[in-house]
Amino acid sequence: MDFTWDFKLVSFSTMIFFLFISSSSHAYKFNVGGRQGWVLNPNETYNHWAERNRFQVNDTLVFKYKKGNDSVLVVNKKDYYSCNINNPIEKFFDGDTEFMFDHSGPFFFVSGVPGHCNDGQKLNVVVLAIRNKNTVMPPELSPGYDSPPEASPSALNSPSSSSSSLSVCCSFFFGLMGVGWLLG
């Protein structure tokens, strides 16, 4: 009985399993405002920060701010643009707020301190729709297809796309190594 062959087959199967897991989608945590956190008058507007990132369902925003001095309110679109803090959908005061996206579409956040929203402490995030890989049609076959806008260079460097590229490269590399090892 050749145990070497059995060992190689089990090892190869295990490697394929881990490659499959590594290529699946991941949820990310984003620190709102980067190092500065959720503050009045940040170096970069929150919406500019959001435009440089790509958000998907199950990703989490982390708002860091001084507990007792600020808050985060989830509001509707109308209240976002008018900076109305009187009708929040959700409100957080803990200083280390984590908000997970449970669906695609726009989300609107403002500071709960009167005047802070009007001074720019507000954030509009658009979460990408979930796409099923099996139902996507090529553009030339899709009814009513309009070409999508070009992606900005910063969108191509988002954590989600970088991780996907890295995952595909690693999967390919380890797959070749495994085949070579199995045959060698």
N, C-alpha and C. Protein backbone atom coordinates (compact mmCIF):
# COMPACT_ATOMS: atom_id res chain seq x y z
N MET A 1 0.86 -1.18 0.00
CA MET A 1 0.00 0.00 0.00
C MET A 1 0.90 1.23 0.00
N ASP A 2 0.59 2.18 -0.88
CA ASP A 2 1.42 3.39 -1.03
C ASP A 2 0.81 4.54 -0.23
N PHE A 3 1.36 4.78 0.98
CA PHE A 3 0.86 5.84 1.85
C PHE A 3 1.24 7.22 1.34
N THR A 4 2.30 7.30 0.55
CA THR A 4 2.73 8.58 0.00
C THR A 4 1.63 9.17 -0.87
N TRP A 5 1.03 8.35 -1.72
CA TRP A 5 -0.03 8.82 -2.61
C TRP A 5 -1.25 9.28 -1.80
N ASP A 6 -1.66 8.52 -0.77
CA ASP A 6 -2.79 8.90 0.07
C ASP A 6 -2.52 10.23 0.77
N PHE A 7 -1.29 10.37 1.30
CA PHE A 7 -0.93 11.60 1.99
C PHE A 7 -0.99 12.78 1.04
N LYS A 8 -0.47 12.62 -0.18
CA LYS A 8 -0.49 13.70 -1.17
C LYS A 8 -1.93 14.06 -1.53
N LEU A 9 -2.79 13.07 -1.70
CA LEU A 9 -4.17 13.34 -2.06
C LEU A 9 -4.90 14.09 -0.95
N VAL A 10 -4.71 13.69 0.30
CA VAL A 10 -5.34 14.37 1.43
C VAL A 10 -4.79 15.79 1.54
N SER A 11 -3.48 15.95 1.40
CA SER A 11 -2.86 17.27 1.48
C SER A 11 -3.37 18.18 0.37
N PHE A 12 -3.47 17.63 -0.84
CA PHE A 12 -3.96 18.42 -1.97
C PHE A 12 -5.41 18.83 -1.74
N SER A 13 -6.25 17.92 -1.25
CA SER A 13 -7.65 18.23 -0.98
C SER A 13 -7.77 19.32 0.09
N THR A 14 -6.93 19.22 1.11
CA THR A 14 -6.93 20.24 2.17
C THR A 14 -6.53 21.59 1.61
N MET A 15 -5.52 21.62 0.75
CA MET A 15 -5.07 22.87 0.16
C MET A 15 -6.17 23.49 -0.71
N ILE A 16 -6.86 22.69 -1.49
CA ILE A 16 -7.96 23.19 -2.32
C ILE A 16 -9.05 23.79 -1.44
N PHE A 17 -9.36 23.14 -0.34
CA PHE A 17 -10.37 23.66 0.59
C PHE A 17 -9.98 25.04 1.10
N PHE A 18 -8.71 25.22 1.53
CA PHE A 18 -8.27 26.52 2.04
C PHE A 18 -8.22 27.57 0.94
N LEU A 19 -7.88 27.18 -0.27
CA LEU A 19 -7.90 28.12 -1.38
C LEU A 19 -9.32 28.60 -1.66
N PHE A 20 -10.27 27.71 -1.57
CA PHE A 20 -11.67 28.08 -1.77
C PHE A 20 -12.12 29.08 -0.73
N ILE A 21 -11.75 28.83 0.51
CA ILE A 21 -12.14 29.74 1.59
C ILE A 21 -11.46 31.10 1.40
N SER A 22 -10.19 31.11 1.02
CA SER A 22 -9.48 32.38 0.88
C SER A 22 -10.00 33.21 -0.28
N SER A 23 -10.62 32.60 -1.27
CA SER A 23 -11.12 33.36 -2.40
C SER A 23 -12.55 33.86 -2.19
N SER A 24 -13.18 33.51 -1.08
CA SER A 24 -14.53 34.00 -0.83
C SER A 24 -14.48 35.46 -0.40
N SER A 25 -15.61 36.12 -0.44
CA SER A 25 -15.64 37.55 -0.11
C SER A 25 -15.45 37.76 1.38
N HIS A 26 -14.90 38.91 1.72
CA HIS A 26 -14.62 39.26 3.09
C HIS A 26 -15.32 40.56 3.44
N ALA A 27 -15.70 40.72 4.67
CA ALA A 27 -16.24 41.99 5.16
C ALA A 27 -15.08 42.78 5.76
N TYR A 28 -15.13 44.08 5.61
CA TYR A 28 -14.07 44.95 6.09
C TYR A 28 -14.60 45.94 7.10
N LYS A 29 -13.68 46.43 7.94
CA LYS A 29 -13.98 47.52 8.87
C LYS A 29 -13.25 48.75 8.36
N PHE A 30 -13.98 49.85 8.27
CA PHE A 30 -13.41 51.11 7.80
C PHE A 30 -13.47 52.12 8.94
N ASN A 31 -12.33 52.71 9.28
CA ASN A 31 -12.29 53.76 10.29
C ASN A 31 -12.67 55.08 9.62
N VAL A 32 -13.84 55.59 9.96
CA VAL A 32 -14.35 56.81 9.35
C VAL A 32 -13.38 57.96 9.63
N GLY A 33 -12.93 58.62 8.57
CA GLY A 33 -12.01 59.74 8.70
C GLY A 33 -10.57 59.34 8.92
N GLY A 34 -10.28 58.05 8.81
CA GLY A 34 -8.90 57.60 8.99
C GLY A 34 -8.42 57.82 10.41
N ARG A 35 -7.21 58.32 10.55
CA ARG A 35 -6.60 58.50 11.87
C ARG A 35 -7.31 59.55 12.72
N GLN A 36 -7.87 60.57 12.06
CA GLN A 36 -8.52 61.64 12.82
C GLN A 36 -9.81 61.18 13.47
N GLY A 37 -10.49 60.28 12.82
CA GLY A 37 -11.76 59.80 13.34
C GLY A 37 -12.91 60.75 13.03
N TRP A 38 -13.94 60.67 13.84
CA TRP A 38 -15.19 61.44 13.65
C TRP A 38 -15.04 62.75 14.42
N VAL A 39 -14.54 63.78 13.74
CA VAL A 39 -14.25 65.07 14.38
C VAL A 39 -14.83 66.21 13.55
N LEU A 40 -14.93 67.36 14.19
CA LEU A 40 -15.32 68.58 13.49
C LEU A 40 -14.10 69.10 12.74
N ASN A 41 -14.30 69.54 11.51
CA ASN A 41 -13.24 70.10 10.67
C ASN A 41 -12.08 69.13 10.41
N PRO A 42 -12.35 67.98 9.84
CA PRO A 42 -11.25 67.04 9.52
C PRO A 42 -10.41 67.59 8.37
N ASN A 43 -9.22 67.01 8.18
CA ASN A 43 -8.35 67.44 7.07
C ASN A 43 -8.98 67.17 5.71
N GLU A 44 -9.77 66.13 5.62
CA GLU A 44 -10.43 65.73 4.38
C GLU A 44 -11.91 65.57 4.69
N THR A 45 -12.79 66.04 3.80
CA THR A 45 -14.22 65.88 4.07
C THR A 45 -14.57 64.40 4.14
N TYR A 46 -15.57 64.09 4.92
CA TYR A 46 -15.96 62.68 5.08
C TYR A 46 -16.46 62.09 3.76
N ASN A 47 -17.15 62.89 2.97
CA ASN A 47 -17.63 62.36 1.69
C ASN A 47 -16.48 62.09 0.73
N HIS A 48 -15.44 62.92 0.77
CA HIS A 48 -14.26 62.65 -0.06
C HIS A 48 -13.59 61.36 0.40
N TRP A 49 -13.50 61.18 1.72
CA TRP A 49 -12.95 59.93 2.27
C TRP A 49 -13.76 58.73 1.77
N ALA A 50 -15.09 58.85 1.81
CA ALA A 50 -15.97 57.75 1.38
C ALA A 50 -15.82 57.45 -0.11
N GLU A 51 -15.60 58.49 -0.91
CA GLU A 51 -15.45 58.29 -2.36
C GLU A 51 -14.19 57.49 -2.69
N ARG A 52 -13.21 57.52 -1.82
CA ARG A 52 -11.97 56.78 -2.06
C ARG A 52 -12.08 55.31 -1.67
N ASN A 53 -13.20 54.92 -1.10
CA ASN A 53 -13.40 53.54 -0.64
C ASN A 53 -14.57 52.91 -1.36
N ARG A 54 -14.63 51.60 -1.27
CA ARG A 54 -15.73 50.84 -1.86
C ARG A 54 -16.38 50.04 -0.75
N PHE A 55 -17.66 50.25 -0.53
CA PHE A 55 -18.36 49.62 0.58
C PHE A 55 -19.32 48.56 0.07
N GLN A 56 -19.36 47.44 0.78
CA GLN A 56 -20.23 46.34 0.41
C GLN A 56 -21.06 45.91 1.62
N VAL A 57 -22.13 45.16 1.35
CA VAL A 57 -22.96 44.63 2.42
C VAL A 57 -22.08 43.82 3.37
N ASN A 58 -22.31 43.97 4.65
CA ASN A 58 -21.58 43.34 5.76
C ASN A 58 -20.28 44.05 6.13
N ASP A 59 -19.87 45.09 5.38
CA ASP A 59 -18.76 45.91 5.82
C ASP A 59 -19.23 46.74 7.02
N THR A 60 -18.27 47.22 7.81
CA THR A 60 -18.58 47.97 9.02
C THR A 60 -17.85 49.30 9.02
N LEU A 61 -18.57 50.35 9.38
CA LEU A 61 -17.95 51.65 9.61
C LEU A 61 -17.65 51.76 11.10
N VAL A 62 -16.46 52.25 11.44
CA VAL A 62 -16.09 52.47 12.83
C VAL A 62 -15.93 53.97 13.02
N PHE A 63 -16.77 54.55 13.87
CA PHE A 63 -16.71 55.97 14.20
C PHE A 63 -16.01 56.10 15.54
N LYS A 64 -14.86 56.78 15.58
CA LYS A 64 -14.15 57.02 16.83
C LYS A 64 -14.26 58.50 17.17
N TYR A 65 -14.76 58.78 18.37
CA TYR A 65 -14.95 60.15 18.82
C TYR A 65 -14.95 60.17 20.34
N LYS A 66 -14.87 61.35 20.90
CA LYS A 66 -14.80 61.48 22.35
C LYS A 66 -16.19 61.29 22.95
N LYS A 67 -16.32 60.23 23.74
CA LYS A 67 -17.60 59.91 24.38
C LYS A 67 -18.04 61.10 25.25
N GLY A 68 -19.30 61.47 25.11
CA GLY A 68 -19.84 62.59 25.88
C GLY A 68 -19.73 63.93 25.17
N ASN A 69 -18.85 64.01 24.15
CA ASN A 69 -18.67 65.27 23.42
C ASN A 69 -19.26 65.22 22.01
N ASP A 70 -19.58 64.04 21.53
CA ASP A 70 -20.12 63.92 20.17
C ASP A 70 -20.99 62.67 20.09
N SER A 71 -21.55 62.45 18.91
CA SER A 71 -22.39 61.27 18.67
C SER A 71 -22.51 61.06 17.17
N VAL A 72 -23.10 59.94 16.81
CA VAL A 72 -23.35 59.61 15.40
C VAL A 72 -24.83 59.33 15.27
N LEU A 73 -25.45 59.98 14.29
CA LEU A 73 -26.86 59.73 14.01
C LEU A 73 -26.98 59.17 12.60
N VAL A 74 -27.79 58.15 12.44
CA VAL A 74 -28.15 57.65 11.12
C VAL A 74 -29.46 58.35 10.79
N VAL A 75 -29.49 59.04 9.65
CA VAL A 75 -30.67 59.84 9.29
C VAL A 75 -31.10 59.51 7.86
N ASN A 76 -32.28 59.99 7.49
CA ASN A 76 -32.72 59.81 6.11
C ASN A 76 -32.10 60.90 5.22
N LYS A 77 -32.29 60.76 3.93
CA LYS A 77 -31.67 61.67 2.96
C LYS A 77 -32.08 63.12 3.20
N LYS A 78 -33.35 63.36 3.41
CA LYS A 78 -33.85 64.73 3.61
C LYS A 78 -33.20 65.36 4.85
N ASP A 79 -33.15 64.61 5.96
CA ASP A 79 -32.55 65.14 7.19
C ASP A 79 -31.03 65.32 7.05
N TYR A 80 -30.41 64.50 6.23
CA TYR A 80 -28.98 64.65 5.97
C TYR A 80 -28.71 66.00 5.30
N TYR A 81 -29.44 66.29 4.23
CA TYR A 81 -29.20 67.52 3.49
C TYR A 81 -29.63 68.77 4.25
N SER A 82 -30.61 68.65 5.12
CA SER A 82 -31.05 69.81 5.90
C SER A 82 -30.38 69.87 7.28
N CYS A 83 -29.55 68.87 7.58
CA CYS A 83 -28.86 68.76 8.88
C CYS A 83 -29.85 68.75 10.04
N ASN A 84 -30.97 68.06 9.85
CA ASN A 84 -31.97 67.91 10.91
C ASN A 84 -31.55 66.74 11.80
N ILE A 85 -31.29 67.03 13.08
CA ILE A 85 -30.85 65.98 14.01
C ILE A 85 -31.97 65.52 14.94
N ASN A 86 -33.21 65.97 14.68
CA ASN A 86 -34.34 65.68 15.58
C ASN A 86 -35.06 64.37 15.30
N ASN A 87 -34.84 63.74 14.16
CA ASN A 87 -35.56 62.51 13.80
C ASN A 87 -34.60 61.39 13.37
N PRO A 88 -33.61 61.03 14.17
CA PRO A 88 -32.67 60.01 13.71
C PRO A 88 -33.32 58.63 13.60
N ILE A 89 -32.82 57.86 12.66
CA ILE A 89 -33.23 56.46 12.51
C ILE A 89 -32.57 55.65 13.61
N GLU A 90 -31.29 55.95 13.86
CA GLU A 90 -30.52 55.34 14.95
C GLU A 90 -29.59 56.40 15.50
N LYS A 91 -29.25 56.27 16.79
CA LYS A 91 -28.28 57.20 17.38
C LYS A 91 -27.31 56.43 18.27
N PHE A 92 -26.07 56.90 18.24
CA PHE A 92 -24.99 56.25 18.99
C PHE A 92 -24.20 57.31 19.75
N PHE A 93 -23.84 57.00 21.00
CA PHE A 93 -23.15 57.96 21.86
C PHE A 93 -21.93 57.34 22.56
N ASP A 94 -21.53 56.13 22.19
CA ASP A 94 -20.53 55.39 22.96
C ASP A 94 -19.07 55.78 22.73
N GLY A 95 -18.78 56.58 21.71
CA GLY A 95 -17.40 56.98 21.44
C GLY A 95 -16.64 56.03 20.54
N ASP A 96 -17.16 54.85 20.35
CA ASP A 96 -16.52 53.84 19.50
C ASP A 96 -17.63 53.07 18.79
N THR A 97 -18.33 53.75 17.91
CA THR A 97 -19.51 53.20 17.26
C THR A 97 -19.14 52.35 16.05
N GLU A 98 -19.72 51.16 15.99
CA GLU A 98 -19.57 50.30 14.82
C GLU A 98 -20.94 50.14 14.17
N PHE A 99 -21.00 50.43 12.88
CA PHE A 99 -22.25 50.33 12.12
C PHE A 99 -22.02 49.42 10.94
N MET A 100 -22.73 48.27 10.91
CA MET A 100 -22.58 47.31 9.82
C MET A 100 -23.68 47.53 8.77
N PHE A 101 -23.28 47.53 7.50
CA PHE A 101 -24.23 47.68 6.40
C PHE A 101 -24.97 46.37 6.18
N ASP A 102 -26.29 46.40 6.35
CA ASP A 102 -27.08 45.19 6.19
C ASP A 102 -27.79 45.10 4.85
N HIS A 103 -27.66 46.14 4.04
CA HIS A 103 -28.24 46.13 2.69
C HIS A 103 -27.49 47.13 1.82
N SER A 104 -27.71 47.05 0.51
CA SER A 104 -27.06 47.99 -0.40
C SER A 104 -27.88 49.28 -0.47
N GLY A 105 -27.26 50.30 -1.04
CA GLY A 105 -27.93 51.58 -1.19
C GLY A 105 -27.24 52.67 -0.38
N PRO A 106 -27.86 53.86 -0.33
CA PRO A 106 -27.24 54.98 0.39
C PRO A 106 -27.51 54.94 1.89
N PHE A 107 -26.53 55.39 2.65
CA PHE A 107 -26.65 55.54 4.10
C PHE A 107 -26.19 56.96 4.43
N PHE A 108 -26.86 57.59 5.39
CA PHE A 108 -26.57 58.97 5.74
C PHE A 108 -26.29 59.08 7.24
N PHE A 109 -25.16 59.72 7.57
CA PHE A 109 -24.73 59.88 8.95
C PHE A 109 -24.43 61.36 9.22
N VAL A 110 -24.80 61.84 10.40
CA VAL A 110 -24.47 63.20 10.83
C VAL A 110 -24.07 63.18 12.29
N SER A 111 -23.36 64.22 12.69
CA SER A 111 -23.05 64.38 14.11
C SER A 111 -24.32 64.80 14.83
N GLY A 112 -24.50 64.34 16.05
CA GLY A 112 -25.67 64.71 16.83
C GLY A 112 -25.51 66.01 17.60
N VAL A 113 -24.34 66.64 17.51
CA VAL A 113 -24.12 67.91 18.19
C VAL A 113 -24.67 69.03 17.32
N PRO A 114 -25.54 69.88 17.86
CA PRO A 114 -26.11 70.98 17.07
C PRO A 114 -25.00 71.83 16.42
N GLY A 115 -25.16 72.07 15.13
CA GLY A 115 -24.22 72.89 14.37
C GLY A 115 -23.09 72.13 13.71
N HIS A 116 -22.74 70.95 14.21
CA HIS A 116 -21.62 70.20 13.64
C HIS A 116 -21.92 69.73 12.21
N CYS A 117 -23.13 69.27 11.96
CA CYS A 117 -23.50 68.83 10.61
C CYS A 117 -23.36 70.00 9.63
N ASN A 118 -23.89 71.16 10.00
CA ASN A 118 -23.78 72.34 9.13
C ASN A 118 -22.33 72.73 8.88
N ASP A 119 -21.45 72.39 9.79
CA ASP A 119 -20.02 72.68 9.63
C ASP A 119 -19.27 71.54 8.95
N GLY A 120 -19.99 70.55 8.40
CA GLY A 120 -19.37 69.51 7.59
C GLY A 120 -19.19 68.15 8.23
N GLN A 121 -19.64 67.97 9.46
CA GLN A 121 -19.46 66.65 10.09
C GLN A 121 -20.65 65.77 9.73
N LYS A 122 -20.61 65.31 8.49
CA LYS A 122 -21.66 64.43 7.97
C LYS A 122 -21.06 63.54 6.89
N LEU A 123 -21.70 62.40 6.69
CA LEU A 123 -21.15 61.39 5.79
C LEU A 123 -22.27 60.71 5.02
N ASN A 124 -22.08 60.60 3.70
CA ASN A 124 -23.00 59.89 2.82
C ASN A 124 -22.23 58.74 2.21
N VAL A 125 -22.69 57.51 2.44
CA VAL A 125 -22.02 56.31 1.94
C VAL A 125 -22.99 55.54 1.04
N VAL A 126 -22.51 55.10 -0.10
CA VAL A 126 -23.30 54.25 -0.98
C VAL A 126 -22.71 52.85 -0.95
N VAL A 127 -23.53 51.89 -0.54
CA VAL A 127 -23.10 50.49 -0.44
C VAL A 127 -23.46 49.79 -1.73
N LEU A 128 -22.49 49.10 -2.31
CA LEU A 128 -22.69 48.41 -3.58
C LEU A 128 -23.69 47.27 -3.46
N ALA A 129 -24.41 47.05 -4.55
CA ALA A 129 -25.38 45.95 -4.59
C ALA A 129 -24.65 44.62 -4.65
N ILE A 130 -25.27 43.60 -4.08
CA ILE A 130 -24.73 42.25 -4.14
C ILE A 130 -25.03 41.70 -5.52
N ARG A 131 -24.00 41.17 -6.15
CA ARG A 131 -24.18 40.59 -7.48
C ARG A 131 -23.95 39.09 -7.41
N ASN A 132 -24.87 38.35 -8.00
CA ASN A 132 -24.72 36.90 -8.08
C ASN A 132 -23.91 36.59 -9.33
N LYS A 133 -22.77 35.95 -9.19
CA LYS A 133 -21.88 35.68 -10.32
C LYS A 133 -22.55 34.87 -11.41
N ASN A 134 -23.52 34.05 -11.07
CA ASN A 134 -24.15 33.17 -12.06
C ASN A 134 -25.19 33.88 -12.91
N THR A 135 -25.67 35.05 -12.50
CA THR A 135 -26.73 35.69 -13.25
C THR A 135 -26.27 36.93 -14.00
N VAL A 136 -25.00 37.27 -13.97
CA VAL A 136 -24.49 38.45 -14.65
C VAL A 136 -24.37 38.14 -16.13
N MET A 137 -24.98 39.00 -16.95
CA MET A 137 -24.92 38.82 -18.39
C MET A 137 -23.83 39.72 -18.96
N PRO A 138 -23.18 39.31 -20.05
CA PRO A 138 -22.21 40.19 -20.70
C PRO A 138 -22.92 41.47 -21.14
N PRO A 139 -22.22 42.60 -21.15
CA PRO A 139 -22.85 43.88 -21.49
C PRO A 139 -23.58 43.87 -22.82
N GLU A 140 -23.02 43.19 -23.84
CA GLU A 140 -23.66 43.22 -25.15
C GLU A 140 -24.99 42.44 -25.17
N LEU A 141 -25.24 41.59 -24.15
CA LEU A 141 -26.48 40.83 -24.10
C LEU A 141 -27.49 41.40 -23.11
N SER A 142 -27.06 42.37 -22.29
CA SER A 142 -27.94 42.94 -21.28
C SER A 142 -28.87 43.97 -21.91
N PRO A 143 -30.19 43.85 -21.65
CA PRO A 143 -31.11 44.82 -22.20
C PRO A 143 -30.89 46.19 -21.56
N GLY A 144 -30.91 47.24 -22.38
CA GLY A 144 -30.78 48.60 -21.86
C GLY A 144 -29.42 48.90 -21.28
N TYR A 145 -28.38 48.27 -21.81
CA TYR A 145 -27.03 48.44 -21.26
C TYR A 145 -26.49 49.82 -21.59
N ASP A 146 -26.03 50.51 -20.58
CA ASP A 146 -25.27 51.75 -20.74
C ASP A 146 -23.91 51.48 -20.15
N SER A 147 -22.87 51.95 -20.81
CA SER A 147 -21.54 51.68 -20.27
C SER A 147 -21.37 52.38 -18.93
N PRO A 148 -20.76 51.68 -17.97
CA PRO A 148 -20.59 52.25 -16.63
C PRO A 148 -19.55 53.35 -16.65
N PRO A 149 -19.62 54.26 -15.68
CA PRO A 149 -18.58 55.28 -15.61
C PRO A 149 -17.25 54.63 -15.28
N GLU A 150 -16.17 55.28 -15.75
CA GLU A 150 -14.84 54.73 -15.46
C GLU A 150 -14.56 54.81 -13.98
N ALA A 151 -13.91 53.78 -13.47
CA ALA A 151 -13.54 53.77 -12.05
C ALA A 151 -12.35 54.68 -11.84
N SER A 152 -12.37 55.43 -10.76
CA SER A 152 -11.24 56.28 -10.44
C SER A 152 -10.08 55.41 -9.98
N PRO A 153 -8.85 55.88 -10.17
CA PRO A 153 -7.70 55.08 -9.73
C PRO A 153 -7.77 54.72 -8.25
N SER A 154 -8.32 55.63 -7.43
CA SER A 154 -8.38 55.32 -6.00
C SER A 154 -9.39 54.22 -5.71
N ALA A 155 -10.44 54.10 -6.52
CA ALA A 155 -11.42 53.04 -6.30
C ALA A 155 -10.80 51.68 -6.60
N LEU A 156 -9.84 51.67 -7.53
CA LEU A 156 -9.21 50.41 -7.87
C LEU A 156 -8.27 49.92 -6.78
N ASN A 157 -7.90 50.80 -5.86
CA ASN A 157 -7.00 50.43 -4.78
C ASN A 157 -7.72 50.23 -3.46
N SER A 158 -9.03 50.07 -3.51
CA SER A 158 -9.78 49.89 -2.28
C SER A 158 -9.44 48.55 -1.63
N PRO A 159 -9.67 48.41 -0.32
CA PRO A 159 -9.36 47.14 0.34
C PRO A 159 -10.04 45.95 -0.31
N SER A 160 -11.27 46.14 -0.79
CA SER A 160 -12.01 45.02 -1.37
C SER A 160 -11.37 44.53 -2.65
N SER A 161 -11.05 45.46 -3.59
CA SER A 161 -10.50 45.01 -4.86
C SER A 161 -9.07 44.53 -4.70
N SER A 162 -8.28 45.15 -3.84
CA SER A 162 -6.91 44.70 -3.62
C SER A 162 -6.91 43.29 -3.05
N SER A 163 -7.78 43.04 -2.10
CA SER A 163 -7.85 41.73 -1.47
C SER A 163 -8.27 40.68 -2.48
N SER A 164 -9.22 41.01 -3.36
CA SER A 164 -9.68 40.05 -4.35
C SER A 164 -8.56 39.69 -5.30
N SER A 165 -7.79 40.69 -5.76
CA SER A 165 -6.67 40.43 -6.67
C SER A 165 -5.62 39.57 -5.99
N LEU A 166 -5.30 39.91 -4.76
CA LEU A 166 -4.32 39.14 -4.01
C LEU A 166 -4.79 37.72 -3.81
N SER A 167 -6.05 37.56 -3.49
CA SER A 167 -6.61 36.24 -3.26
C SER A 167 -6.54 35.38 -4.53
N VAL A 168 -6.86 35.97 -5.68
CA VAL A 168 -6.81 35.24 -6.94
C VAL A 168 -5.37 34.85 -7.26
N CYS A 169 -4.43 35.79 -7.08
CA CYS A 169 -3.02 35.48 -7.35
C CYS A 169 -2.52 34.37 -6.44
N CYS A 170 -2.84 34.46 -5.15
CA CYS A 170 -2.40 33.43 -4.20
C CYS A 170 -3.02 32.08 -4.54
N SER A 171 -4.29 32.09 -4.88
CA SER A 171 -4.97 30.84 -5.23
C SER A 171 -4.30 30.19 -6.43
N PHE A 172 -3.99 30.99 -7.45
CA PHE A 172 -3.35 30.48 -8.65
C PHE A 172 -1.96 29.91 -8.31
N PHE A 173 -1.18 30.67 -7.55
CA PHE A 173 0.16 30.25 -7.17
C PHE A 173 0.14 28.94 -6.39
N PHE A 174 -0.68 28.88 -5.34
CA PHE A 174 -0.73 27.68 -4.52
C PHE A 174 -1.33 26.50 -5.29
N GLY A 175 -2.24 26.78 -6.20
CA GLY A 175 -2.79 25.71 -7.03
C GLY A 175 -1.72 25.09 -7.90
N LEU A 176 -0.88 25.93 -8.54
CA LEU A 176 0.22 25.41 -9.36
C LEU A 176 1.21 24.62 -8.52
N MET A 177 1.51 25.13 -7.32
CA MET A 177 2.43 24.41 -6.43
C MET A 177 1.85 23.04 -6.07
N GLY A 178 0.56 23.01 -5.77
CA GLY A 178 -0.07 21.76 -5.37
C GLY A 178 -0.09 20.74 -6.49
N VAL A 179 -0.38 21.17 -7.71
CA VAL A 179 -0.39 20.26 -8.85
C VAL A 179 1.02 19.72 -9.09
N GLY A 180 2.01 20.61 -9.03
CA GLY A 180 3.39 20.18 -9.22
C GLY A 180 3.81 19.19 -8.16
N TRP A 181 3.43 19.44 -6.92
CA TRP A 181 3.79 18.57 -5.80
C TRP A 181 3.09 17.22 -5.94
N LEU A 182 1.80 17.25 -6.34
CA LEU A 182 1.04 16.02 -6.48
C LEU A 182 1.60 15.14 -7.61
N LEU A 183 2.02 15.78 -8.69
CA LEU A 183 2.54 15.03 -9.83
C LEU A 183 4.01 14.63 -9.65
N GLY A 184 4.74 15.38 -8.77
CA GLY A 184 6.18 15.14 -8.59
C GLY A 184 6.53 14.12 -7.63
